[in-house]
Amino acid sequence: MMEFHTKFTQRLILWGSDEVITAYAEFRKIYLNLHNYSKQELLIQFEKFMFALRKDTGHKNNNLKESDLLSLFINDISIIS
């Protein structure tokens, strides 16, 4: 897992947009300090990161709203939102 994150971060620095890097840095901050944040905050920031990735690859995200991406792999997302 550490190796993945190291390689991912290196690639992100080279290829990620400012928005993606900012969203990932915020997600990482929450993840590494989870005792100061709720799991809901972590998931919300993870989704912001995914939205930024999609935008960076050319998607408009116009018809998507908060929790739409999370709902693809969290069945009971309504409990979190």
N, C-alpha and C. Protein backbone atom coordinates (compact mmCIF):
# COMPACT_ATOMS: atom_id res chain seq x y z
N MET A 1 0.82 -1.18 0.00
CA MET A 1 0.00 0.00 0.00
C MET A 1 0.88 1.26 0.00
N MET A 2 1.93 1.24 0.80
CA MET A 2 2.84 2.39 0.85
C MET A 2 3.47 2.65 -0.52
N GLU A 3 3.85 1.57 -1.20
CA GLU A 3 4.47 1.70 -2.52
C GLU A 3 3.49 2.34 -3.51
N PHE A 4 2.23 1.90 -3.45
CA PHE A 4 1.21 2.46 -4.33
C PHE A 4 1.08 3.96 -4.10
N HIS A 5 0.95 4.36 -2.83
CA HIS A 5 0.76 5.78 -2.52
C HIS A 5 1.98 6.61 -2.93
N THR A 6 3.15 6.07 -2.76
CA THR A 6 4.36 6.78 -3.16
C THR A 6 4.38 7.01 -4.67
N LYS A 7 4.13 5.96 -5.43
CA LYS A 7 4.12 6.08 -6.89
C LYS A 7 2.97 6.98 -7.36
N PHE A 8 1.80 6.82 -6.73
CA PHE A 8 0.65 7.64 -7.11
C PHE A 8 0.95 9.11 -6.88
N THR A 9 1.53 9.44 -5.73
CA THR A 9 1.84 10.83 -5.41
C THR A 9 2.86 11.40 -6.39
N GLN A 10 3.86 10.63 -6.74
CA GLN A 10 4.86 11.09 -7.71
C GLN A 10 4.20 11.40 -9.05
N ARG A 11 3.33 10.52 -9.50
CA ARG A 11 2.64 10.74 -10.78
C ARG A 11 1.68 11.92 -10.69
N LEU A 12 1.03 12.04 -9.56
CA LEU A 12 0.09 13.14 -9.38
C LEU A 12 0.79 14.49 -9.46
N ILE A 13 1.96 14.58 -8.88
CA ILE A 13 2.73 15.83 -8.93
C ILE A 13 3.03 16.22 -10.36
N LEU A 14 3.33 15.24 -11.20
CA LEU A 14 3.65 15.51 -12.60
C LEU A 14 2.41 15.76 -13.46
N TRP A 15 1.36 14.99 -13.24
CA TRP A 15 0.25 14.97 -14.18
C TRP A 15 -1.06 15.57 -13.66
N GLY A 16 -1.19 15.73 -12.36
CA GLY A 16 -2.45 16.22 -11.81
C GLY A 16 -2.61 17.72 -11.93
N SER A 17 -3.84 18.14 -12.16
CA SER A 17 -4.13 19.57 -12.21
C SER A 17 -4.02 20.14 -10.79
N ASP A 18 -4.02 21.46 -10.69
CA ASP A 18 -3.97 22.11 -9.38
C ASP A 18 -5.15 21.65 -8.51
N GLU A 19 -6.32 21.56 -9.13
CA GLU A 19 -7.53 21.16 -8.40
C GLU A 19 -7.40 19.73 -7.87
N VAL A 20 -6.88 18.83 -8.68
CA VAL A 20 -6.70 17.43 -8.26
C VAL A 20 -5.70 17.35 -7.12
N ILE A 21 -4.58 18.05 -7.25
CA ILE A 21 -3.56 18.01 -6.20
C ILE A 21 -4.11 18.57 -4.89
N THR A 22 -4.85 19.66 -4.96
CA THR A 22 -5.45 20.25 -3.76
C THR A 22 -6.45 19.30 -3.11
N ALA A 23 -7.30 18.68 -3.92
CA ALA A 23 -8.30 17.75 -3.39
C ALA A 23 -7.64 16.52 -2.78
N TYR A 24 -6.60 16.02 -3.42
CA TYR A 24 -5.89 14.85 -2.89
C TYR A 24 -5.17 15.21 -1.59
N ALA A 25 -4.55 16.38 -1.54
CA ALA A 25 -3.85 16.79 -0.32
C ALA A 25 -4.82 16.91 0.85
N GLU A 26 -6.01 17.44 0.60
CA GLU A 26 -7.02 17.55 1.66
C GLU A 26 -7.50 16.17 2.09
N PHE A 27 -7.76 15.29 1.13
CA PHE A 27 -8.16 13.92 1.45
C PHE A 27 -7.09 13.23 2.29
N ARG A 28 -5.84 13.37 1.89
CA ARG A 28 -4.72 12.74 2.60
C ARG A 28 -4.59 13.29 4.02
N LYS A 29 -4.78 14.60 4.17
CA LYS A 29 -4.71 15.22 5.50
C LYS A 29 -5.76 14.62 6.43
N ILE A 30 -6.98 14.49 5.91
CA ILE A 30 -8.06 13.90 6.73
C ILE A 30 -7.76 12.44 7.03
N TYR A 31 -7.34 11.69 6.02
CA TYR A 31 -7.05 10.27 6.19
C TYR A 31 -5.96 10.04 7.24
N LEU A 32 -4.92 10.85 7.20
CA LEU A 32 -3.81 10.68 8.13
C LEU A 32 -4.12 11.18 9.53
N ASN A 33 -5.18 11.97 9.67
CA ASN A 33 -5.58 12.51 10.97
C ASN A 33 -7.03 12.15 11.27
N LEU A 34 -7.41 10.95 10.95
CA LEU A 34 -8.82 10.55 11.05
C LEU A 34 -9.37 10.72 12.46
N HIS A 35 -8.51 10.67 13.46
CA HIS A 35 -8.99 10.86 14.83
C HIS A 35 -9.55 12.26 15.05
N ASN A 36 -9.22 13.20 14.18
CA ASN A 36 -9.74 14.58 14.27
C ASN A 36 -10.94 14.82 13.35
N TYR A 37 -11.30 13.84 12.55
CA TYR A 37 -12.36 14.00 11.56
C TYR A 37 -13.31 12.81 11.64
N SER A 38 -14.50 13.00 11.11
CA SER A 38 -15.45 11.88 11.03
C SER A 38 -15.20 11.09 9.75
N LYS A 39 -15.70 9.88 9.73
CA LYS A 39 -15.59 9.07 8.51
C LYS A 39 -16.40 9.70 7.39
N GLN A 40 -17.48 10.39 7.74
CA GLN A 40 -18.28 11.07 6.73
C GLN A 40 -17.46 12.18 6.06
N GLU A 41 -16.69 12.92 6.85
CA GLU A 41 -15.84 13.97 6.27
C GLU A 41 -14.81 13.37 5.32
N LEU A 42 -14.27 12.22 5.70
CA LEU A 42 -13.30 11.54 4.84
C LEU A 42 -13.95 11.14 3.52
N LEU A 43 -15.14 10.57 3.58
CA LEU A 43 -15.83 10.15 2.36
C LEU A 43 -16.21 11.34 1.48
N ILE A 44 -16.65 12.42 2.10
CA ILE A 44 -17.01 13.61 1.33
C ILE A 44 -15.78 14.15 0.61
N GLN A 45 -14.64 14.19 1.30
CA GLN A 45 -13.43 14.69 0.66
C GLN A 45 -12.94 13.74 -0.41
N PHE A 46 -13.10 12.43 -0.20
CA PHE A 46 -12.72 11.46 -1.22
C PHE A 46 -13.55 11.68 -2.48
N GLU A 47 -14.83 11.96 -2.31
CA GLU A 47 -15.68 12.20 -3.48
C GLU A 47 -15.25 13.49 -4.19
N LYS A 48 -14.88 14.51 -3.44
CA LYS A 48 -14.38 15.75 -4.06
C LYS A 48 -13.14 15.45 -4.89
N PHE A 49 -12.29 14.58 -4.38
CA PHE A 49 -11.11 14.16 -5.12
C PHE A 49 -11.51 13.45 -6.41
N MET A 50 -12.50 12.55 -6.33
CA MET A 50 -12.96 11.85 -7.53
C MET A 50 -13.57 12.81 -8.55
N PHE A 51 -14.34 13.80 -8.08
CA PHE A 51 -14.89 14.81 -8.99
C PHE A 51 -13.77 15.58 -9.69
N ALA A 52 -12.74 15.93 -8.92
CA ALA A 52 -11.60 16.67 -9.50
C ALA A 52 -10.88 15.81 -10.54
N LEU A 53 -10.71 14.52 -10.26
CA LEU A 53 -10.08 13.61 -11.23
C LEU A 53 -10.90 13.55 -12.52
N ARG A 54 -12.22 13.42 -12.37
CA ARG A 54 -13.08 13.36 -13.54
C ARG A 54 -12.98 14.64 -14.37
N LYS A 55 -13.00 15.79 -13.69
CA LYS A 55 -12.89 17.07 -14.39
C LYS A 55 -11.56 17.17 -15.11
N ASP A 56 -10.50 16.69 -14.45
CA ASP A 56 -9.16 16.75 -15.03
C ASP A 56 -9.06 15.90 -16.29
N THR A 57 -9.87 14.85 -16.39
CA THR A 57 -9.83 13.99 -17.58
C THR A 57 -10.86 14.40 -18.63
N GLY A 58 -11.50 15.56 -18.41
CA GLY A 58 -12.38 16.11 -19.43
C GLY A 58 -13.87 15.97 -19.19
N HIS A 59 -14.27 15.35 -18.11
CA HIS A 59 -15.70 15.22 -17.81
C HIS A 59 -16.22 16.53 -17.22
N LYS A 60 -17.45 16.86 -17.54
CA LYS A 60 -18.04 18.12 -17.08
C LYS A 60 -18.68 18.01 -15.70
N ASN A 61 -19.13 16.82 -15.32
CA ASN A 61 -19.80 16.60 -14.02
C ASN A 61 -21.07 17.44 -13.86
N ASN A 62 -21.63 17.93 -14.96
CA ASN A 62 -22.78 18.83 -14.91
C ASN A 62 -24.02 18.21 -14.27
N ASN A 63 -24.27 16.95 -14.56
CA ASN A 63 -25.50 16.32 -14.08
C ASN A 63 -25.27 15.45 -12.85
N LEU A 64 -24.13 15.60 -12.21
CA LEU A 64 -23.84 14.85 -11.00
C LEU A 64 -23.94 15.75 -9.78
N LYS A 65 -24.44 15.19 -8.69
CA LYS A 65 -24.52 15.96 -7.45
C LYS A 65 -23.78 15.21 -6.34
N GLU A 66 -23.64 15.86 -5.20
CA GLU A 66 -22.95 15.25 -4.08
C GLU A 66 -23.55 13.88 -3.76
N SER A 67 -22.71 12.93 -3.53
CA SER A 67 -23.00 11.53 -3.19
C SER A 67 -23.29 10.64 -4.40
N ASP A 68 -23.40 11.20 -5.60
CA ASP A 68 -23.63 10.37 -6.79
C ASP A 68 -22.48 9.41 -7.03
N LEU A 69 -21.25 9.88 -6.91
CA LEU A 69 -20.11 8.99 -7.13
C LEU A 69 -19.96 7.98 -5.99
N LEU A 70 -20.15 8.44 -4.77
CA LEU A 70 -20.06 7.52 -3.63
C LEU A 70 -21.12 6.43 -3.71
N SER A 71 -22.29 6.78 -4.24
CA SER A 71 -23.39 5.80 -4.31
C SER A 71 -23.07 4.63 -5.24
N LEU A 72 -22.03 4.79 -6.07
CA LEU A 72 -21.65 3.69 -6.96
C LEU A 72 -21.02 2.52 -6.21
N PHE A 73 -20.48 2.80 -5.02
CA PHE A 73 -19.88 1.69 -4.26
C PHE A 73 -20.25 1.69 -2.79
N ILE A 74 -21.14 2.59 -2.36
CA ILE A 74 -21.68 2.55 -1.00
C ILE A 74 -23.19 2.43 -1.12
N ASN A 75 -23.70 1.28 -0.76
CA ASN A 75 -25.13 1.00 -0.95
C ASN A 75 -26.04 1.89 -0.12
N ASP A 76 -25.68 2.15 1.12
CA ASP A 76 -26.55 2.93 2.00
C ASP A 76 -26.04 4.36 2.16
N ILE A 77 -25.71 4.99 1.06
CA ILE A 77 -25.15 6.34 1.07
C ILE A 77 -26.11 7.34 1.69
N SER A 78 -27.40 7.08 1.64
CA SER A 78 -28.37 8.03 2.21
C SER A 78 -28.17 8.21 3.71
N ILE A 79 -27.58 7.23 4.37
CA ILE A 79 -27.31 7.34 5.80
C ILE A 79 -26.20 8.37 6.04
N ILE A 80 -25.25 8.46 5.12
CA ILE A 80 -24.11 9.36 5.25
C ILE A 80 -24.46 10.78 4.84
N SER A 81 -25.23 10.91 3.76
CA SER A 81 -25.53 12.24 3.19
C SER A 81 -26.46 13.04 4.05
